[in-house]
């Protein structure tokens, strides 16, 4: 699920912390964050963030159900829509709305 989020005055990492996410990795133009739902890391929400323009970020949210099966692979059981994703999006929006 993609969300257009207005940039607050704080940094992206501070914003992510405020909504309960931690930095997983950072690439030029995109940063990835996670929020574990249980101990052990899975299931977890996975959030990719790109800058859309000077005033907005694009949050790309999905739910990783389990760890990738084969080492070095990125394939996993992920959910990209549905009620769980919608609830998480609403939770984030309630915290971040201007």
N, C-alpha and C. Protein backbone atom coordinates (compact mmCIF):
# COMPACT_ATOMS: atom_id res chain seq x y z
N UNK A 1 0.84 -1.16 0.00
CA UNK A 1 0.00 0.00 0.00
C UNK A 1 0.89 1.23 0.00
N UNK A 2 0.61 2.14 -0.89
CA UNK A 2 1.38 3.38 -0.97
C UNK A 2 0.61 4.53 -0.33
N UNK A 3 1.35 5.34 0.43
CA UNK A 3 0.78 6.49 1.12
C UNK A 3 1.61 7.72 0.81
N UNK A 4 0.96 8.83 0.56
CA UNK A 4 1.65 10.10 0.38
C UNK A 4 1.63 10.80 1.73
N UNK A 5 2.81 11.04 2.30
CA UNK A 5 2.94 11.62 3.63
C UNK A 5 3.60 12.98 3.54
N UNK A 6 2.95 14.03 4.04
CA UNK A 6 3.59 15.36 4.07
C UNK A 6 4.80 15.32 5.01
N UNK A 7 5.90 15.92 4.59
CA UNK A 7 7.10 15.94 5.42
C UNK A 7 6.93 16.87 6.60
N UNK A 8 7.16 16.36 7.82
CA UNK A 8 7.20 17.26 8.97
C UNK A 8 8.57 17.93 9.03
N UNK A 9 8.80 18.74 10.04
CA UNK A 9 10.09 19.43 10.15
C UNK A 9 11.20 18.52 10.63
N UNK A 10 10.86 17.38 11.23
CA UNK A 10 11.87 16.46 11.73
C UNK A 10 12.43 15.59 10.60
N UNK A 11 13.50 14.88 10.87
CA UNK A 11 14.11 13.99 9.88
C UNK A 11 13.24 12.76 9.65
N UNK A 12 13.52 12.06 8.58
CA UNK A 12 12.79 10.83 8.27
C UNK A 12 13.00 9.80 9.38
N UNK A 13 14.22 9.65 9.87
CA UNK A 13 14.48 8.66 10.92
C UNK A 13 13.71 9.02 12.18
N UNK A 14 13.65 10.29 12.55
CA UNK A 14 12.87 10.71 13.73
C UNK A 14 11.38 10.45 13.51
N UNK A 15 10.90 10.71 12.31
CA UNK A 15 9.51 10.45 11.98
C UNK A 15 9.20 8.96 12.10
N UNK A 16 10.08 8.12 11.55
CA UNK A 16 9.89 6.67 11.62
C UNK A 16 9.87 6.20 13.07
N UNK A 17 10.76 6.70 13.89
CA UNK A 17 10.77 6.33 15.31
C UNK A 17 9.46 6.71 15.98
N UNK A 18 8.94 7.86 15.63
CA UNK A 18 7.70 8.35 16.25
C UNK A 18 6.54 7.40 15.96
N UNK A 19 6.55 6.74 14.82
CA UNK A 19 5.49 5.78 14.49
C UNK A 19 5.89 4.34 14.80
N UNK A 20 7.02 4.15 15.48
CA UNK A 20 7.40 2.82 15.95
C UNK A 20 8.28 2.00 15.03
N UNK A 21 8.88 2.61 14.02
CA UNK A 21 9.71 1.90 13.05
C UNK A 21 11.18 2.17 13.30
N UNK A 22 12.02 1.18 12.97
CA UNK A 22 13.47 1.33 13.07
C UNK A 22 14.09 1.15 11.69
N UNK A 23 15.20 1.83 11.48
CA UNK A 23 15.90 1.76 10.20
C UNK A 23 16.44 0.36 9.97
N UNK A 24 16.14 -0.20 8.82
CA UNK A 24 16.68 -1.50 8.43
C UNK A 24 17.89 -1.31 7.54
N UNK A 25 17.75 -0.51 6.49
CA UNK A 25 18.87 -0.18 5.62
C UNK A 25 18.54 1.07 4.82
N UNK A 26 19.59 1.66 4.29
CA UNK A 26 19.44 2.90 3.53
C UNK A 26 20.19 2.78 2.23
N UNK A 27 19.52 3.10 1.14
CA UNK A 27 20.12 3.14 -0.19
C UNK A 27 19.92 4.54 -0.74
N UNK A 28 20.70 4.96 -1.69
CA UNK A 28 20.46 6.28 -2.27
C UNK A 28 19.02 6.37 -2.82
N UNK A 29 18.29 7.34 -2.33
CA UNK A 29 16.93 7.56 -2.80
C UNK A 29 15.85 6.77 -2.10
N UNK A 30 16.22 5.80 -1.25
CA UNK A 30 15.21 4.99 -0.57
C UNK A 30 15.76 4.47 0.75
N UNK A 31 14.91 4.52 1.78
CA UNK A 31 15.27 3.95 3.07
C UNK A 31 14.22 2.93 3.46
N UNK A 32 14.63 1.88 4.16
CA UNK A 32 13.72 0.82 4.58
C UNK A 32 13.67 0.76 6.10
N UNK A 33 12.47 0.59 6.62
CA UNK A 33 12.23 0.53 8.06
C UNK A 33 11.36 -0.68 8.36
N UNK A 34 11.44 -1.18 9.60
CA UNK A 34 10.59 -2.29 10.02
C UNK A 34 9.97 -2.00 11.38
N UNK A 35 8.84 -2.66 11.63
CA UNK A 35 8.20 -2.64 12.94
C UNK A 35 7.73 -4.05 13.23
N UNK A 36 8.40 -4.70 14.21
CA UNK A 36 8.07 -6.08 14.56
C UNK A 36 6.74 -6.13 15.29
N UNK A 37 5.96 -7.15 14.98
CA UNK A 37 4.69 -7.36 15.66
C UNK A 37 4.83 -8.31 16.85
N UNK A 38 5.84 -9.17 16.79
CA UNK A 38 6.12 -10.12 17.88
C UNK A 38 7.64 -10.23 18.03
N UNK A 39 8.07 -10.80 19.14
CA UNK A 39 9.50 -11.07 19.31
C UNK A 39 9.95 -12.05 18.23
N UNK A 40 11.19 -11.90 17.81
CA UNK A 40 11.71 -12.80 16.80
C UNK A 40 11.66 -12.23 15.39
N UNK A 41 10.98 -11.10 15.22
CA UNK A 41 11.06 -10.39 13.96
C UNK A 41 9.96 -10.64 12.95
N UNK A 42 9.21 -11.74 13.04
CA UNK A 42 8.17 -12.01 12.05
C UNK A 42 6.92 -12.48 12.75
N UNK A 43 5.77 -12.02 12.32
CA UNK A 43 5.51 -11.08 11.24
C UNK A 43 5.96 -9.67 11.62
N UNK A 44 6.20 -8.86 10.60
CA UNK A 44 6.62 -7.48 10.82
C UNK A 44 6.13 -6.60 9.66
N UNK A 45 5.91 -5.35 10.00
CA UNK A 45 5.61 -4.39 8.95
C UNK A 45 6.92 -3.92 8.34
N UNK A 46 6.90 -3.72 7.04
CA UNK A 46 8.09 -3.30 6.30
C UNK A 46 7.70 -2.05 5.52
N UNK A 47 8.47 -1.01 5.68
CA UNK A 47 8.14 0.29 5.11
C UNK A 47 9.31 0.79 4.28
N UNK A 48 9.09 1.03 2.99
CA UNK A 48 10.08 1.65 2.12
C UNK A 48 9.67 3.09 1.91
N UNK A 49 10.61 4.01 2.03
CA UNK A 49 10.29 5.43 1.92
C UNK A 49 11.17 6.08 0.86
N UNK A 50 10.52 6.81 -0.05
CA UNK A 50 11.21 7.60 -1.07
C UNK A 50 10.72 9.03 -0.96
N UNK A 51 11.59 9.96 -1.33
CA UNK A 51 11.19 11.36 -1.38
C UNK A 51 10.46 11.59 -2.69
N UNK A 52 9.24 12.12 -2.61
CA UNK A 52 8.49 12.41 -3.83
C UNK A 52 8.86 13.78 -4.36
N UNK A 53 8.89 14.76 -3.47
CA UNK A 53 9.26 16.12 -3.82
C UNK A 53 9.70 16.81 -2.53
N UNK A 54 9.88 18.12 -2.56
CA UNK A 54 10.38 18.85 -1.40
C UNK A 54 9.43 18.80 -0.21
N UNK A 55 8.16 18.47 -0.44
CA UNK A 55 7.17 18.52 0.63
C UNK A 55 6.57 17.18 1.04
N UNK A 56 6.88 16.12 0.29
CA UNK A 56 6.21 14.83 0.52
C UNK A 56 7.14 13.64 0.41
N UNK A 57 6.79 12.61 1.19
CA UNK A 57 7.41 11.30 1.07
C UNK A 57 6.37 10.33 0.55
N UNK A 58 6.81 9.27 -0.10
CA UNK A 58 5.95 8.16 -0.46
C UNK A 58 6.34 6.99 0.44
N UNK A 59 5.38 6.53 1.25
CA UNK A 59 5.57 5.36 2.11
C UNK A 59 4.96 4.17 1.37
N UNK A 60 5.76 3.11 1.20
CA UNK A 60 5.29 1.87 0.58
C UNK A 60 5.31 0.81 1.67
N UNK A 61 4.13 0.41 2.12
CA UNK A 61 3.97 -0.45 3.29
C UNK A 61 3.50 -1.84 2.90
N UNK A 62 4.10 -2.86 3.54
CA UNK A 62 3.59 -4.22 3.41
C UNK A 62 3.89 -4.99 4.69
N UNK A 63 3.34 -6.17 4.81
CA UNK A 63 3.52 -7.03 5.97
C UNK A 63 4.30 -8.27 5.56
N UNK A 64 5.46 -8.46 6.17
CA UNK A 64 6.25 -9.68 5.96
C UNK A 64 5.73 -10.73 6.93
N UNK A 65 5.16 -11.82 6.41
CA UNK A 65 4.61 -12.87 7.28
C UNK A 65 5.70 -13.77 7.85
N UNK A 66 6.74 -14.02 7.03
CA UNK A 66 7.81 -14.90 7.52
C UNK A 66 9.12 -14.54 6.84
N UNK A 67 10.19 -15.04 7.41
CA UNK A 67 11.53 -14.80 6.90
C UNK A 67 11.69 -15.49 5.54
N UNK A 68 12.51 -14.88 4.64
CA UNK A 68 12.79 -15.57 3.37
C UNK A 68 13.31 -16.98 3.62
N UNK A 69 12.90 -17.92 2.81
CA UNK A 69 13.23 -19.33 3.02
C UNK A 69 14.69 -19.63 2.68
N UNK A 70 15.19 -19.05 1.59
CA UNK A 70 16.53 -19.37 1.14
C UNK A 70 17.45 -18.19 1.37
N UNK A 71 18.63 -18.46 1.89
CA UNK A 71 19.61 -17.41 2.16
C UNK A 71 19.94 -16.65 0.88
N UNK A 72 19.99 -15.34 1.00
CA UNK A 72 20.30 -14.50 -0.15
C UNK A 72 19.10 -14.15 -1.00
N UNK A 73 17.94 -14.71 -0.70
CA UNK A 73 16.72 -14.44 -1.45
C UNK A 73 15.90 -13.37 -0.74
N UNK A 74 15.15 -12.60 -1.49
CA UNK A 74 14.29 -11.59 -0.89
C UNK A 74 12.83 -12.01 -0.92
N UNK A 75 12.51 -13.11 -1.57
CA UNK A 75 11.13 -13.58 -1.64
C UNK A 75 10.65 -13.96 -0.24
N UNK A 76 9.42 -13.60 0.07
CA UNK A 76 8.85 -13.89 1.38
C UNK A 76 7.32 -13.93 1.23
N UNK A 77 6.67 -14.36 2.29
CA UNK A 77 5.21 -14.33 2.29
C UNK A 77 4.78 -12.94 2.74
N UNK A 78 4.47 -12.09 1.78
CA UNK A 78 4.13 -10.71 2.11
C UNK A 78 2.70 -10.38 1.73
N UNK A 79 2.11 -9.49 2.53
CA UNK A 79 0.78 -8.97 2.23
C UNK A 79 0.92 -7.50 1.89
N UNK A 80 0.33 -7.09 0.78
CA UNK A 80 0.46 -5.73 0.30
C UNK A 80 -0.84 -4.93 0.40
N UNK A 81 -1.91 -5.61 0.78
CA UNK A 81 -3.19 -4.93 1.00
C UNK A 81 -4.01 -5.76 1.97
N UNK A 82 -5.19 -5.28 2.32
CA UNK A 82 -6.03 -5.98 3.27
C UNK A 82 -6.23 -5.18 4.54
N UNK A 83 -7.04 -5.71 5.42
CA UNK A 83 -7.43 -4.96 6.62
C UNK A 83 -6.26 -4.68 7.56
N UNK A 84 -5.33 -5.59 7.70
CA UNK A 84 -4.18 -5.37 8.60
C UNK A 84 -3.33 -4.21 8.09
N UNK A 85 -3.10 -4.17 6.80
CA UNK A 85 -2.31 -3.09 6.20
C UNK A 85 -3.07 -1.76 6.32
N UNK A 86 -4.37 -1.80 6.06
CA UNK A 86 -5.18 -0.58 6.17
C UNK A 86 -5.18 -0.03 7.60
N UNK A 87 -5.29 -0.91 8.59
CA UNK A 87 -5.26 -0.48 9.99
C UNK A 87 -3.92 0.16 10.35
N UNK A 88 -2.84 -0.44 9.87
CA UNK A 88 -1.51 0.13 10.14
C UNK A 88 -1.37 1.49 9.46
N UNK A 89 -1.85 1.61 8.25
CA UNK A 89 -1.79 2.89 7.54
C UNK A 89 -2.58 3.95 8.29
N UNK A 90 -3.76 3.60 8.80
CA UNK A 90 -4.57 4.56 9.56
C UNK A 90 -3.88 4.94 10.87
N UNK A 91 -3.23 3.97 11.53
CA UNK A 91 -2.49 4.25 12.76
C UNK A 91 -1.36 5.24 12.49
N UNK A 92 -0.60 5.01 11.44
CA UNK A 92 0.50 5.92 11.08
C UNK A 92 -0.05 7.30 10.75
N UNK A 93 -1.12 7.35 9.94
CA UNK A 93 -1.68 8.64 9.53
C UNK A 93 -2.17 9.42 10.74
N UNK A 94 -2.78 8.75 11.72
CA UNK A 94 -3.27 9.42 12.92
C UNK A 94 -2.13 10.11 13.68
N UNK A 95 -0.96 9.51 13.66
CA UNK A 95 0.21 10.07 14.35
C UNK A 95 0.83 11.19 13.52
N UNK A 96 0.88 11.02 12.20
CA UNK A 96 1.63 11.94 11.34
C UNK A 96 0.82 13.05 10.69
N UNK A 97 -0.50 12.99 10.74
CA UNK A 97 -1.30 14.00 10.02
C UNK A 97 -0.92 15.40 10.48
N UNK A 98 -0.87 16.32 9.51
CA UNK A 98 -0.47 17.69 9.86
C UNK A 98 -1.50 18.43 10.69
